[in-house]
Protein backbone atom coordinates (compact mmCIF):
# COMPACT_ATOMS: atom_id res chain seq x y z
CA UNK A 1 -80.80 69.06 -4.13
CA UNK A 2 -83.79 67.33 -2.55
CA UNK A 3 -87.38 66.89 -3.74
CA UNK A 4 -89.79 65.73 -1.05
CA UNK A 5 -87.01 64.04 0.87
CA UNK A 6 -85.52 62.34 -2.17
CA UNK A 7 -82.47 63.30 -4.17
CA UNK A 8 -83.16 64.17 -7.79
CA UNK A 9 -81.24 61.13 -9.04
CA UNK A 10 -84.06 59.02 -7.57
CA UNK A 11 -86.73 60.76 -9.72
CA UNK A 12 -87.37 60.29 -13.45
CA UNK A 13 -90.03 62.12 -15.47
CA UNK A 14 -91.53 61.14 -18.83
CA UNK A 15 -94.06 63.30 -20.66
CA UNK A 16 -95.94 63.22 -23.94
CA UNK A 17 -98.70 65.12 -25.69
CA UNK A 18 -101.32 63.08 -27.54
CA UNK A 19 -104.67 64.24 -28.84
CA UNK A 20 -104.46 67.54 -26.98
CA UNK A 21 -103.89 65.83 -23.61
CA UNK A 22 -100.62 65.79 -21.69
CA UNK A 23 -99.52 62.53 -20.09
CA UNK A 24 -96.86 62.59 -17.37
CA UNK A 25 -95.21 59.78 -15.47
CA UNK A 26 -92.87 60.11 -12.52
CA UNK A 27 -90.83 57.10 -11.46
CA UNK A 28 -89.37 57.10 -7.98
CA UNK A 29 -86.64 54.58 -7.31
CA UNK A 30 -87.68 51.91 -4.78
CA UNK A 31 -91.25 53.31 -4.62
CA UNK A 32 -92.95 53.01 -8.00
CA UNK A 33 -94.31 54.78 -11.03
CA UNK A 34 -97.18 57.29 -10.99
CA UNK A 35 -99.20 58.65 -13.92
CA UNK A 36 -101.09 61.87 -14.46
CA UNK A 37 -103.03 63.49 -17.29
CA UNK A 38 -104.07 67.07 -17.85
CA UNK A 39 -104.82 69.82 -20.33
CA UNK A 40 -101.37 71.30 -19.71
CA UNK A 41 -97.95 69.81 -19.06
CA UNK A 42 -97.93 71.35 -15.59
CA UNK A 43 -101.36 69.93 -14.71
CA UNK A 44 -100.31 66.43 -15.77
CA UNK A 45 -97.12 66.68 -13.69
CA UNK A 46 -99.09 67.89 -10.65
CA UNK A 47 -101.47 64.92 -10.86
CA UNK A 48 -98.56 62.46 -11.07
CA UNK A 49 -96.68 64.20 -8.26
CA UNK A 50 -99.79 64.18 -6.06
CA UNK A 51 -100.25 60.44 -6.59
CA UNK A 52 -96.60 59.89 -5.62
CA UNK A 53 -97.00 62.09 -2.53
CA UNK A 54 -100.09 60.15 -1.40
CA UNK A 55 -98.24 56.82 -1.76
CA UNK A 56 -95.19 58.14 0.14
CA UNK A 57 -97.44 59.47 2.92
CA UNK A 58 -99.27 56.15 3.22
CA UNK A 59 -95.97 54.24 3.38
CA UNK A 60 -94.53 56.50 6.07
CA UNK A 61 -97.73 56.27 8.15
CA UNK A 62 -97.85 52.48 7.92
CA UNK A 63 -94.16 52.27 8.82
CA UNK A 64 -94.61 54.39 11.95
CA UNK A 65 -97.42 52.28 13.43
C-alpha cells in the first residue's frame, strides 16, 4: 500500500487530546516530523498531512531544478 508515494512503513502517526484540542504528528522516514492541531482528530491529521505534503512538494521541486 502506498500513501503519497511512500509505503506505510515509512509513516508514523501520534495523536493526543488535551484541553479539548487534538494534536497530531506525522513522522515520515528520511523527511521529518510535522505537527497539526484541530478541534477534531481528523482536522489535526489533515493539518499535519498538509504540512508534510508542502515539504515533499518543495523538496521535489528543488530537486528537479
